[in-house]
């Protein structure tokens, strides 16, 4: 459970840092990061249950 929480927090921090940039590449990276974060959250919830 702890590795999932660490991964989620790291993904959120990187997404916030990318949010400040205004380039097209960062938006593409942000989309992949949000899907990654959602998958990590889903797996984390499955581990809790």
PDB file of N, CA and C in Angstrom:
ATOM      1  N   UNK A   1       0.839  -1.203   0.000  1.00  0.00           N
ATOM      2  CA  UNK A   1       0.000   0.000   0.000  1.00  0.00           C
ATOM      3  C   UNK A   1       0.872   1.250   0.000  1.00  0.00           C
ATOM      4  N   UNK A   2       1.977   1.227   0.734  1.00  0.00           N
ATOM      5  CA  UNK A   2       2.816   2.425   0.798  1.00  0.00           C
ATOM      6  C   UNK A   2       3.445   2.779  -0.542  1.00  0.00           C
ATOM      7  N   UNK A   3       3.956   1.821  -1.335  1.00  0.00           N
ATOM      8  CA  UNK A   3       4.534   2.201  -2.630  1.00  0.00           C
ATOM      9  C   UNK A   3       3.520   2.877  -3.534  1.00  0.00           C
ATOM     10  N   UNK A   4       2.256   2.447  -3.468  1.00  0.00           N
ATOM     11  CA  UNK A   4       1.233   3.086  -4.298  1.00  0.00           C
ATOM     12  C   UNK A   4       1.042   4.533  -3.878  1.00  0.00           C
ATOM     13  N   UNK A   5       1.028   4.792  -2.559  1.00  0.00           N
ATOM     14  CA  UNK A   5       0.846   6.167  -2.079  1.00  0.00           C
ATOM     15  C   UNK A   5       2.036   7.022  -2.502  1.00  0.00           C
ATOM     16  N   UNK A   6       3.252   6.463  -2.412  1.00  0.00           N
ATOM     17  CA  UNK A   6       4.440   7.219  -2.817  1.00  0.00           C
ATOM     18  C   UNK A   6       4.362   7.530  -4.311  1.00  0.00           C
ATOM     19  N   UNK A   7       3.951   6.551  -5.122  1.00  0.00           N
ATOM     20  CA  UNK A   7       3.842   6.777  -6.562  1.00  0.00           C
ATOM     21  C   UNK A   7       2.808   7.835  -6.882  1.00  0.00           C
ATOM     22  N   UNK A   8       1.679   7.808  -6.170  1.00  0.00           N
ATOM     23  CA  UNK A   8       0.635   8.808  -6.413  1.00  0.00           C
ATOM     24  C   UNK A   8       1.141  10.196  -6.058  1.00  0.00           C
ATOM     25  N   UNK A   9       1.808  10.325  -4.909  1.00  0.00           N
ATOM     26  CA  UNK A   9       2.293  11.646  -4.499  1.00  0.00           C
ATOM     27  C   UNK A   9       3.351  12.151  -5.471  1.00  0.00           C
ATOM     28  N   UNK A  10       4.242  11.259  -5.951  1.00  0.00           N
ATOM     29  CA  UNK A  10       5.256  11.683  -6.914  1.00  0.00           C
ATOM     30  C   UNK A  10       4.604  12.103  -8.225  1.00  0.00           C
ATOM     31  N   UNK A  11       3.596  11.343  -8.671  1.00  0.00           N
ATOM     32  CA  UNK A  11       2.910  11.701  -9.909  1.00  0.00           C
ATOM     33  C   UNK A  11       2.194  13.030  -9.792  1.00  0.00           C
ATOM     34  N   UNK A  12       1.563  13.279  -8.634  1.00  0.00           N
ATOM     35  CA  UNK A  12       0.862  14.556  -8.437  1.00  0.00           C
ATOM     36  C   UNK A  12       1.859  15.704  -8.441  1.00  0.00           C
ATOM     37  N   UNK A  13       3.012  15.522  -7.799  1.00  0.00           N
ATOM     38  CA  UNK A  13       4.011  16.593  -7.757  1.00  0.00           C
ATOM     39  C   UNK A  13       4.540  16.895  -9.152  1.00  0.00           C
ATOM     40  N   UNK A  14       4.800  15.848  -9.947  1.00  0.00           N
ATOM     41  CA  UNK A  14       5.299  16.082 -11.302  1.00  0.00           C
ATOM     42  C   UNK A  14       4.215  16.726 -12.160  1.00  0.00           C
ATOM     43  N   UNK A  15       2.945  16.329 -11.960  1.00  0.00           N
ATOM     44  CA  UNK A  15       1.858  16.936 -12.728  1.00  0.00           C
ATOM     45  C   UNK A  15       1.722  18.411 -12.383  1.00  0.00           C
ATOM     46  N   UNK A  16       1.873  18.758 -11.101  1.00  0.00           N
ATOM     47  CA  UNK A  16       1.772  20.167 -10.699  1.00  0.00           C
ATOM     48  C   UNK A  16       2.914  20.959 -11.318  1.00  0.00           C
ATOM     49  N   UNK A  17       4.127  20.393 -11.321  1.00  0.00           N
ATOM     50  CA  UNK A  17       5.266  21.108 -11.897  1.00  0.00           C
ATOM     51  C   UNK A  17       5.084  21.258 -13.405  1.00  0.00           C
ATOM     52  N   UNK A  18       4.482  20.250 -14.071  1.00  0.00           N
ATOM     53  CA  UNK A  18       4.251  20.359 -15.509  1.00  0.00           C
ATOM     54  C   UNK A  18       3.117  21.334 -15.800  1.00  0.00           C
ATOM     55  N   UNK A  19       2.176  21.472 -14.868  1.00  0.00           N
ATOM     56  CA  UNK A  19       1.038  22.365 -15.076  1.00  0.00           C
ATOM     57  C   UNK A  19       1.506  23.807 -15.244  1.00  0.00           C
ATOM     58  N   UNK A  20       2.633  24.167 -14.599  1.00  0.00           N
ATOM     59  CA  UNK A  20       3.115  25.541 -14.683  1.00  0.00           C
ATOM     60  C   UNK A  20       3.705  25.849 -16.055  1.00  0.00           C
ATOM     61  N   UNK A  21       4.135  24.819 -16.803  1.00  0.00           N
ATOM     62  CA  UNK A  21       4.704  25.056 -18.126  1.00  0.00           C
ATOM     63  C   UNK A  21       3.581  25.202 -19.141  1.00  0.00           C
ATOM     64  N   UNK A  22       3.836  26.014 -20.186  1.00  0.00           N
ATOM     65  CA  UNK A  22       2.791  26.327 -21.165  1.00  0.00           C
ATOM     66  C   UNK A  22       3.103  25.750 -22.541  1.00  0.00           C
ATOM     67  N   UNK A  23       3.929  24.693 -22.613  1.00  0.00           N
ATOM     68  CA  UNK A  23       4.285  24.144 -23.913  1.00  0.00           C
ATOM     69  C   UNK A  23       3.333  23.021 -24.294  1.00  0.00           C
ATOM     70  N   UNK A  24       3.311  22.681 -25.585  1.00  0.00           N
ATOM     71  CA  UNK A  24       2.419  21.622 -26.059  1.00  0.00           C
ATOM     72  C   UNK A  24       2.903  20.268 -25.544  1.00  0.00           C
ATOM     73  N   UNK A  25       4.230  20.088 -25.504  1.00  0.00           N
ATOM     74  CA  UNK A  25       4.766  18.796 -25.064  1.00  0.00           C
ATOM     75  C   UNK A  25       4.349  18.499 -23.630  1.00  0.00           C
ATOM     76  N   UNK A  26       4.348  19.522 -22.767  1.00  0.00           N
ATOM     77  CA  UNK A  26       4.001  19.283 -21.367  1.00  0.00           C
ATOM     78  C   UNK A  26       2.544  18.843 -21.249  1.00  0.00           C
ATOM     79  N   UNK A  27       1.665  19.351 -22.138  1.00  0.00           N
ATOM     80  CA  UNK A  27       0.264  18.937 -22.062  1.00  0.00           C
ATOM     81  C   UNK A  27       0.129  17.467 -22.440  1.00  0.00           C
ATOM     82  N   UNK A  28       0.903  17.033 -23.431  1.00  0.00           N
ATOM     83  CA  UNK A  28       0.862  15.615 -23.813  1.00  0.00           C
ATOM     84  C   UNK A  28       1.375  14.761 -22.663  1.00  0.00           C
ATOM     85  N   UNK A  29       2.491  15.206 -22.043  1.00  0.00           N
ATOM     86  CA  UNK A  29       3.039  14.464 -20.905  1.00  0.00           C
ATOM     87  C   UNK A  29       2.024  14.451 -19.767  1.00  0.00           C
ATOM     88  N   UNK A  30       1.312  15.573 -19.592  1.00  0.00           N
ATOM     89  CA  UNK A  30       0.340  15.664 -18.505  1.00  0.00           C
ATOM     90  C   UNK A  30      -0.781  14.652 -18.722  1.00  0.00           C
ATOM     91  N   UNK A  31      -1.234  14.479 -19.965  1.00  0.00           N
ATOM     92  CA  UNK A  31      -2.313  13.524 -20.230  1.00  0.00           C
ATOM     93  C   UNK A  31      -1.856  12.117 -19.861  1.00  0.00           C
ATOM     94  N   UNK A  32      -0.633  11.753 -20.272  1.00  0.00           N
ATOM     95  CA  UNK A  32      -0.133  10.415 -19.938  1.00  0.00           C
ATOM     96  C   UNK A  32       0.062  10.275 -18.432  1.00  0.00           C
ATOM     97  N   UNK A  33       0.470  11.368 -17.771  1.00  0.00           N
ATOM     98  CA  UNK A  33       0.663  11.309 -16.320  1.00  0.00           C
ATOM     99  C   UNK A  33      -0.670  11.125 -15.609  1.00  0.00           C
ATOM    100  N   UNK A  34      -1.724  11.822 -16.068  1.00  0.00           N
ATOM    101  CA  UNK A  34      -3.019  11.684 -15.393  1.00  0.00           C
ATOM    102  C   UNK A  34      -3.540  10.260 -15.539  1.00  0.00           C
ATOM    103  N   UNK A  35      -3.371   9.654 -16.720  1.00  0.00           N
ATOM    104  CA  UNK A  35      -3.812   8.269 -16.877  1.00  0.00           C
ATOM    105  C   UNK A  35      -2.979   7.355 -15.988  1.00  0.00           C
ATOM    106  N   UNK A  36      -1.657   7.648 -15.883  1.00  0.00           N
ATOM    107  CA  UNK A  36      -0.791   6.853 -15.012  1.00  0.00           C
ATOM    108  C   UNK A  36      -1.237   6.976 -13.561  1.00  0.00           C
ATOM    109  N   UNK A  37      -1.531   8.213 -13.132  1.00  0.00           N
ATOM    110  CA  UNK A  37      -1.952   8.441 -11.746  1.00  0.00           C
ATOM    111  C   UNK A  37      -3.260   7.704 -11.474  1.00  0.00           C
ATOM    112  N   UNK A  38      -4.203   7.758 -12.435  1.00  0.00           N
ATOM    113  CA  UNK A  38      -5.486   7.081 -12.225  1.00  0.00           C
ATOM    114  C   UNK A  38      -5.277   5.571 -12.091  1.00  0.00           C
ATOM    115  N   UNK A  39      -4.387   5.002 -12.928  1.00  0.00           N
ATOM    116  CA  UNK A  39      -4.121   3.564 -12.829  1.00  0.00           C
ATOM    117  C   UNK A  39      -3.500   3.231 -11.478  1.00  0.00           C
ATOM    118  N   UNK A  40      -2.554   4.082 -11.019  1.00  0.00           N
ATOM    119  CA  UNK A  40      -1.914   3.829  -9.722  1.00  0.00           C
ATOM    120  C   UNK A  40      -2.955   3.910  -8.608  1.00  0.00           C
ATOM    121  N   UNK A  41      -3.866   4.896  -8.699  1.00  0.00           N
ATOM    122  CA  UNK A  41      -4.896   5.040  -7.666  1.00  0.00           C
ATOM    123  C   UNK A  41      -5.810   3.821  -7.667  1.00  0.00           C
ATOM    124  N   UNK A  42      -6.197   3.352  -8.865  1.00  0.00           N
ATOM    125  CA  UNK A  42      -7.083   2.186  -8.939  1.00  0.00           C
ATOM    126  C   UNK A  42      -6.395   0.965  -8.334  1.00  0.00           C
ATOM    127  N   UNK A  43      -5.097   0.762  -8.694  1.00  0.00           N
ATOM    128  CA  UNK A  43      -4.380  -0.384  -8.136  1.00  0.00           C
ATOM    129  C   UNK A  43      -4.232  -0.241  -6.629  1.00  0.00           C
ATOM    130  N   UNK A  44      -4.008   0.990  -6.154  1.00  0.00           N
ATOM    131  CA  UNK A  44      -3.889   1.211  -4.714  1.00  0.00           C
ATOM    132  C   UNK A  44      -5.185   0.878  -3.992  1.00  0.00           C
ATOM    133  N   UNK A  45      -6.320   1.275  -4.583  1.00  0.00           N
ATOM    134  CA  UNK A  45      -7.608   0.951  -3.961  1.00  0.00           C
ATOM    135  C   UNK A  45      -7.833  -0.558  -3.967  1.00  0.00           C
ATOM    136  N   UNK A  46      -7.420  -1.234  -5.050  1.00  0.00           N
ATOM    137  CA  UNK A  46      -7.568  -2.683  -5.096  1.00  0.00           C
ATOM    138  C   UNK A  46      -6.715  -3.332  -4.013  1.00  0.00           C
ATOM    139  N   UNK A  47      -5.500  -2.781  -3.775  1.00  0.00           N
ATOM    140  CA  UNK A  47      -4.641  -3.342  -2.733  1.00  0.00           C
ATOM    141  C   UNK A  47      -5.270  -3.147  -1.361  1.00  0.00           C
ATOM    142  N   UNK A  48      -5.902  -1.985  -1.124  1.00  0.00           N
ATOM    143  CA  UNK A  48      -6.529  -1.729   0.175  1.00  0.00           C
ATOM    144  C   UNK A  48      -7.669  -2.724   0.397  1.00  0.00           C
ATOM    145  N   UNK A  49      -8.481  -2.939  -0.650  1.00  0.00           N
ATOM    146  CA  UNK A  49      -9.598  -3.872  -0.518  1.00  0.00           C
ATOM    147  C   UNK A  49      -9.074  -5.299  -0.538  1.00  0.00           C
TER     148      UNK A  49
END
